[in-house]
Each structure stands twice: as structure tokens, then as C-alpha cells.
N, C-alpha and C. Protein backbone atom coordinates (compact mmCIF):
# COMPACT_ATOMS: atom_id res chain seq x y z
N UNK A 1 36.32 29.93 7.87
CA UNK A 1 35.86 29.04 6.83
C UNK A 1 35.45 27.68 7.40
N UNK A 2 36.16 27.24 8.43
CA UNK A 2 35.82 25.96 9.05
C UNK A 2 34.41 25.97 9.62
N UNK A 3 34.04 27.08 10.23
CA UNK A 3 32.70 27.18 10.83
C UNK A 3 31.61 27.10 9.76
N UNK A 4 31.87 27.68 8.61
CA UNK A 4 30.88 27.65 7.53
C UNK A 4 30.70 26.23 7.01
N UNK A 5 31.79 25.52 6.83
CA UNK A 5 31.70 24.13 6.36
C UNK A 5 31.01 23.26 7.39
N UNK A 6 31.35 23.46 8.67
CA UNK A 6 30.71 22.69 9.74
C UNK A 6 29.20 22.97 9.78
N UNK A 7 28.84 24.24 9.69
CA UNK A 7 27.42 24.61 9.70
C UNK A 7 26.69 24.04 8.49
N UNK A 8 27.30 24.09 7.33
CA UNK A 8 26.67 23.52 6.13
C UNK A 8 26.47 22.02 6.28
N UNK A 9 27.46 21.34 6.86
CA UNK A 9 27.32 19.90 7.09
C UNK A 9 26.21 19.58 8.05
N UNK A 10 26.10 20.35 9.12
CA UNK A 10 25.04 20.13 10.11
C UNK A 10 23.67 20.40 9.48
N UNK A 11 23.58 21.42 8.65
CA UNK A 11 22.30 21.73 8.01
C UNK A 11 21.92 20.72 6.94
N UNK A 12 22.90 20.11 6.30
CA UNK A 12 22.61 19.13 5.25
C UNK A 12 22.28 17.75 5.81
N UNK A 13 22.69 17.46 7.02
CA UNK A 13 22.46 16.14 7.60
C UNK A 13 20.97 15.77 7.63
N UNK A 14 20.06 16.62 8.14
CA UNK A 14 18.64 16.24 8.11
C UNK A 14 18.10 16.06 6.70
N UNK A 15 18.57 16.88 5.77
CA UNK A 15 18.10 16.75 4.39
C UNK A 15 18.53 15.42 3.78
N UNK A 16 19.76 15.02 4.04
CA UNK A 16 20.26 13.74 3.52
C UNK A 16 19.50 12.58 4.15
N UNK A 17 19.29 12.64 5.46
CA UNK A 17 18.56 11.56 6.14
C UNK A 17 17.12 11.47 5.64
N UNK A 18 16.48 12.60 5.42
CA UNK A 18 15.12 12.60 4.89
C UNK A 18 15.08 12.01 3.48
N UNK A 19 16.04 12.37 2.67
CA UNK A 19 16.11 11.85 1.30
C UNK A 19 16.31 10.35 1.29
N UNK A 20 17.21 9.86 2.14
CA UNK A 20 17.46 8.41 2.21
C UNK A 20 16.21 7.68 2.68
N UNK A 21 15.53 8.22 3.69
CA UNK A 21 14.30 7.60 4.17
C UNK A 21 13.21 7.57 3.12
N UNK A 22 13.06 8.67 2.40
CA UNK A 22 12.05 8.72 1.34
C UNK A 22 12.40 7.78 0.20
N UNK A 23 13.67 7.69 -0.14
CA UNK A 23 14.08 6.78 -1.21
C UNK A 23 13.79 5.34 -0.81
N UNK A 24 14.04 5.00 0.44
CA UNK A 24 13.73 3.65 0.91
C UNK A 24 12.25 3.34 0.82
N UNK A 25 11.43 4.32 1.14
CA UNK A 25 9.98 4.11 1.05
C UNK A 25 9.55 3.87 -0.39
N UNK A 26 10.13 4.59 -1.33
CA UNK A 26 9.76 4.41 -2.73
C UNK A 26 10.33 3.13 -3.32
N UNK A 27 11.53 2.76 -2.92
CA UNK A 27 12.16 1.57 -3.49
C UNK A 27 11.54 0.27 -2.98
N UNK A 28 11.13 0.25 -1.73
CA UNK A 28 10.65 -0.99 -1.13
C UNK A 28 9.14 -1.03 -0.93
N UNK A 29 8.43 -0.13 -1.54
CA UNK A 29 6.99 -0.06 -1.27
C UNK A 29 6.25 -1.29 -1.82
N UNK A 30 6.67 -1.84 -2.92
CA UNK A 30 5.98 -3.01 -3.48
C UNK A 30 6.40 -4.31 -2.80
N UNK A 31 7.58 -4.32 -2.20
CA UNK A 31 8.10 -5.55 -1.60
C UNK A 31 7.62 -5.76 -0.17
N UNK A 32 6.94 -4.79 0.41
CA UNK A 32 6.54 -4.91 1.81
C UNK A 32 5.31 -5.78 1.97
N UNK A 33 5.34 -6.57 3.00
CA UNK A 33 4.16 -7.33 3.38
C UNK A 33 3.22 -6.38 4.12
N UNK A 34 1.93 -6.70 4.17
CA UNK A 34 0.99 -5.83 4.88
C UNK A 34 1.38 -5.61 6.35
N UNK A 35 1.90 -6.65 6.99
CA UNK A 35 2.29 -6.51 8.40
C UNK A 35 3.43 -5.50 8.55
N UNK A 36 4.42 -5.59 7.68
CA UNK A 36 5.55 -4.66 7.73
C UNK A 36 5.09 -3.24 7.42
N UNK A 37 4.19 -3.11 6.48
CA UNK A 37 3.68 -1.79 6.12
C UNK A 37 2.91 -1.17 7.29
N UNK A 38 2.12 -1.97 7.99
CA UNK A 38 1.39 -1.46 9.16
C UNK A 38 2.36 -1.02 10.26
N UNK A 39 3.43 -1.81 10.46
CA UNK A 39 4.41 -1.45 11.49
C UNK A 39 5.13 -0.15 11.15
N UNK A 40 5.55 0.02 9.91
CA UNK A 40 6.25 1.24 9.54
C UNK A 40 5.31 2.44 9.54
N UNK A 41 4.06 2.24 9.16
CA UNK A 41 3.09 3.34 9.22
C UNK A 41 2.81 3.74 10.66
N UNK A 42 2.71 2.77 11.54
CA UNK A 42 2.50 3.06 12.95
C UNK A 42 3.68 3.79 13.56
N UNK A 43 4.89 3.38 13.20
CA UNK A 43 6.08 4.06 13.71
C UNK A 43 6.13 5.50 13.20
N UNK A 44 5.83 5.71 11.94
CA UNK A 44 5.83 7.06 11.38
C UNK A 44 4.77 7.93 12.05
N UNK A 45 3.60 7.35 12.32
CA UNK A 45 2.55 8.11 12.99
C UNK A 45 2.98 8.49 14.40
N UNK A 46 3.63 7.58 15.11
CA UNK A 46 4.11 7.89 16.45
C UNK A 46 5.16 8.98 16.45
N UNK A 47 6.06 8.95 15.49
CA UNK A 47 7.09 9.99 15.39
C UNK A 47 6.46 11.34 15.10
N UNK A 48 5.50 11.38 14.19
CA UNK A 48 4.84 12.65 13.87
C UNK A 48 4.01 13.17 15.03
N UNK A 49 3.38 12.27 15.77
CA UNK A 49 2.62 12.69 16.95
C UNK A 49 3.55 13.29 18.00
N UNK A 50 4.67 12.64 18.25
CA UNK A 50 5.64 13.17 19.22
C UNK A 50 6.19 14.52 18.75
N UNK A 51 6.49 14.63 17.47
CA UNK A 51 7.01 15.90 16.95
C UNK A 51 5.99 17.01 17.09
N UNK A 52 4.72 16.71 16.84
CA UNK A 52 3.71 17.76 16.95
C UNK A 52 3.49 18.18 18.39
N UNK A 53 3.57 17.24 19.32
CA UNK A 53 3.37 17.60 20.73
C UNK A 53 4.55 18.40 21.25
N UNK A 54 5.77 17.87 21.12
CA UNK A 54 6.92 18.52 21.76
C UNK A 54 7.44 19.72 20.99
N UNK A 55 7.25 19.76 19.69
CA UNK A 55 7.79 20.88 18.92
C UNK A 55 6.75 21.96 18.61
N UNK A 56 5.47 21.62 18.69
CA UNK A 56 4.45 22.60 18.33
C UNK A 56 3.51 22.93 19.49
N UNK A 57 2.88 21.93 20.07
CA UNK A 57 1.85 22.20 21.07
C UNK A 57 2.42 22.73 22.39
N UNK A 58 3.45 22.09 22.93
CA UNK A 58 3.99 22.55 24.22
C UNK A 58 4.58 23.96 24.14
N UNK A 59 5.37 24.30 23.10
CA UNK A 59 5.82 25.69 23.00
C UNK A 59 4.66 26.67 22.79
N UNK A 60 3.63 26.25 22.07
CA UNK A 60 2.47 27.14 21.87
C UNK A 60 1.75 27.39 23.19
N UNK A 61 1.63 26.36 24.02
CA UNK A 61 0.99 26.53 25.33
C UNK A 61 1.81 27.47 26.20
N UNK A 62 3.14 27.32 26.19
CA UNK A 62 4.00 28.21 26.97
C UNK A 62 3.85 29.66 26.54
N UNK A 63 3.81 29.89 25.24
CA UNK A 63 3.68 31.27 24.75
C UNK A 63 2.28 31.82 25.01
N UNK A 64 1.27 30.97 24.94
CA UNK A 64 -0.10 31.43 25.12
C UNK A 64 -0.40 31.76 26.58
N UNK A 65 0.37 31.21 27.51
CA UNK A 65 0.12 31.50 28.93
C UNK A 65 0.37 32.96 29.27
N UNK A 66 1.12 33.66 28.45
CA UNK A 66 1.38 35.09 28.67
C UNK A 66 0.24 35.96 28.16
N UNK A 67 -0.71 35.39 27.47
CA UNK A 67 -1.79 36.16 26.87
C UNK A 67 -3.01 36.27 27.77
N UNK A 68 -4.10 36.72 27.16
CA UNK A 68 -5.35 36.94 27.89
C UNK A 68 -6.09 35.63 28.13
N UNK A 69 -6.07 34.74 27.16
CA UNK A 69 -6.79 33.48 27.25
C UNK A 69 -6.05 32.50 28.15
N UNK A 70 -6.74 31.45 28.62
CA UNK A 70 -6.01 30.38 29.32
C UNK A 70 -4.98 29.75 28.36
N UNK A 71 -3.87 29.28 28.90
CA UNK A 71 -2.77 28.81 28.08
C UNK A 71 -3.11 27.67 27.14
N UNK A 72 -4.08 26.85 27.50
CA UNK A 72 -4.41 25.69 26.68
C UNK A 72 -5.36 26.04 25.53
N UNK A 73 -6.05 27.19 25.61
CA UNK A 73 -7.12 27.47 24.65
C UNK A 73 -6.63 27.75 23.22
N UNK A 74 -5.69 28.68 22.99
CA UNK A 74 -5.28 28.94 21.60
C UNK A 74 -4.69 27.72 20.88
N UNK A 75 -3.78 26.94 21.51
CA UNK A 75 -3.30 25.76 20.80
C UNK A 75 -4.39 24.72 20.53
N UNK A 76 -5.31 24.56 21.48
CA UNK A 76 -6.40 23.61 21.28
C UNK A 76 -7.31 24.07 20.14
N UNK A 77 -7.62 25.35 20.12
CA UNK A 77 -8.45 25.88 19.03
C UNK A 77 -7.76 25.69 17.68
N UNK A 78 -6.46 25.96 17.63
CA UNK A 78 -5.72 25.77 16.38
C UNK A 78 -5.69 24.32 15.94
N UNK A 79 -5.53 23.41 16.91
CA UNK A 79 -5.52 21.98 16.59
C UNK A 79 -6.88 21.54 16.04
N UNK A 80 -7.95 21.98 16.67
CA UNK A 80 -9.30 21.60 16.23
C UNK A 80 -9.59 22.18 14.84
N UNK A 81 -9.26 23.45 14.65
CA UNK A 81 -9.50 24.08 13.34
C UNK A 81 -8.70 23.37 12.25
N UNK A 82 -7.44 23.02 12.55
CA UNK A 82 -6.62 22.29 11.57
C UNK A 82 -7.17 20.92 11.26
N UNK A 83 -7.62 20.19 12.30
CA UNK A 83 -8.17 18.85 12.09
C UNK A 83 -9.45 18.91 11.26
N UNK A 84 -10.31 19.87 11.58
CA UNK A 84 -11.56 20.02 10.81
C UNK A 84 -11.24 20.40 9.37
N UNK A 85 -10.27 21.27 9.18
CA UNK A 85 -9.87 21.66 7.82
C UNK A 85 -9.37 20.47 7.01
N UNK A 86 -8.54 19.63 7.64
CA UNK A 86 -8.05 18.45 6.94
C UNK A 86 -9.17 17.46 6.63
N UNK A 87 -10.09 17.29 7.56
CA UNK A 87 -11.22 16.39 7.31
C UNK A 87 -12.10 16.91 6.18
N UNK A 88 -12.25 18.22 6.09
CA UNK A 88 -13.07 18.79 5.01
C UNK A 88 -12.37 18.64 3.65
N UNK A 89 -11.05 18.64 3.65
CA UNK A 89 -10.32 18.46 2.39
C UNK A 89 -10.50 17.05 1.83
N UNK A 90 -10.66 16.09 2.72
CA UNK A 90 -10.84 14.71 2.25
C UNK A 90 -12.22 14.59 1.74
């Protein structure tokens, strides 16, 4: 039973942190100065860029190296197709 409670706590930690961060963004959105808003947006963009590189692109390159294509090609093609798709949605 201890392991189940420990696992549940570990799994809930990211959800709680995400909720607190989102609540802060909603509560303080009107009180932010433009400079503060640019800084927080830049920090969020940097975090998302790092997450996409280390959690998505590098593992995709490692897995693609076992295939027929060069290792960089499938992740690059997916990135380009995704970027074009997002640009078309706007």
C-alpha cells in the first residue's frame, strides 16, 4: 500500500505544479507590465524549446538511425510538416 501512495504522490506532483503555474498566469495576467510579460513569455518559450529538443527530437533521431533513412531525416520532416501545419492553421 505504501508503494501505491508514493506512486500516486509522484504522479500528482507535476499536475499540481502545472495547476499552480496556470493559476498564477490567470491571476496575475492583468497586473503584469509589458516587460515582465515579455520575460515570462521568453522563459516559457525557452523551456518548451528545450523540452521539444531533449524529449522529442533527440530520441526520435536515435530511433530513426536504425531505419533506412538517415537518422536526421524523419524527425526533420516531422518538424517541418508540423510547423507548416501550425502556420496554415493561423
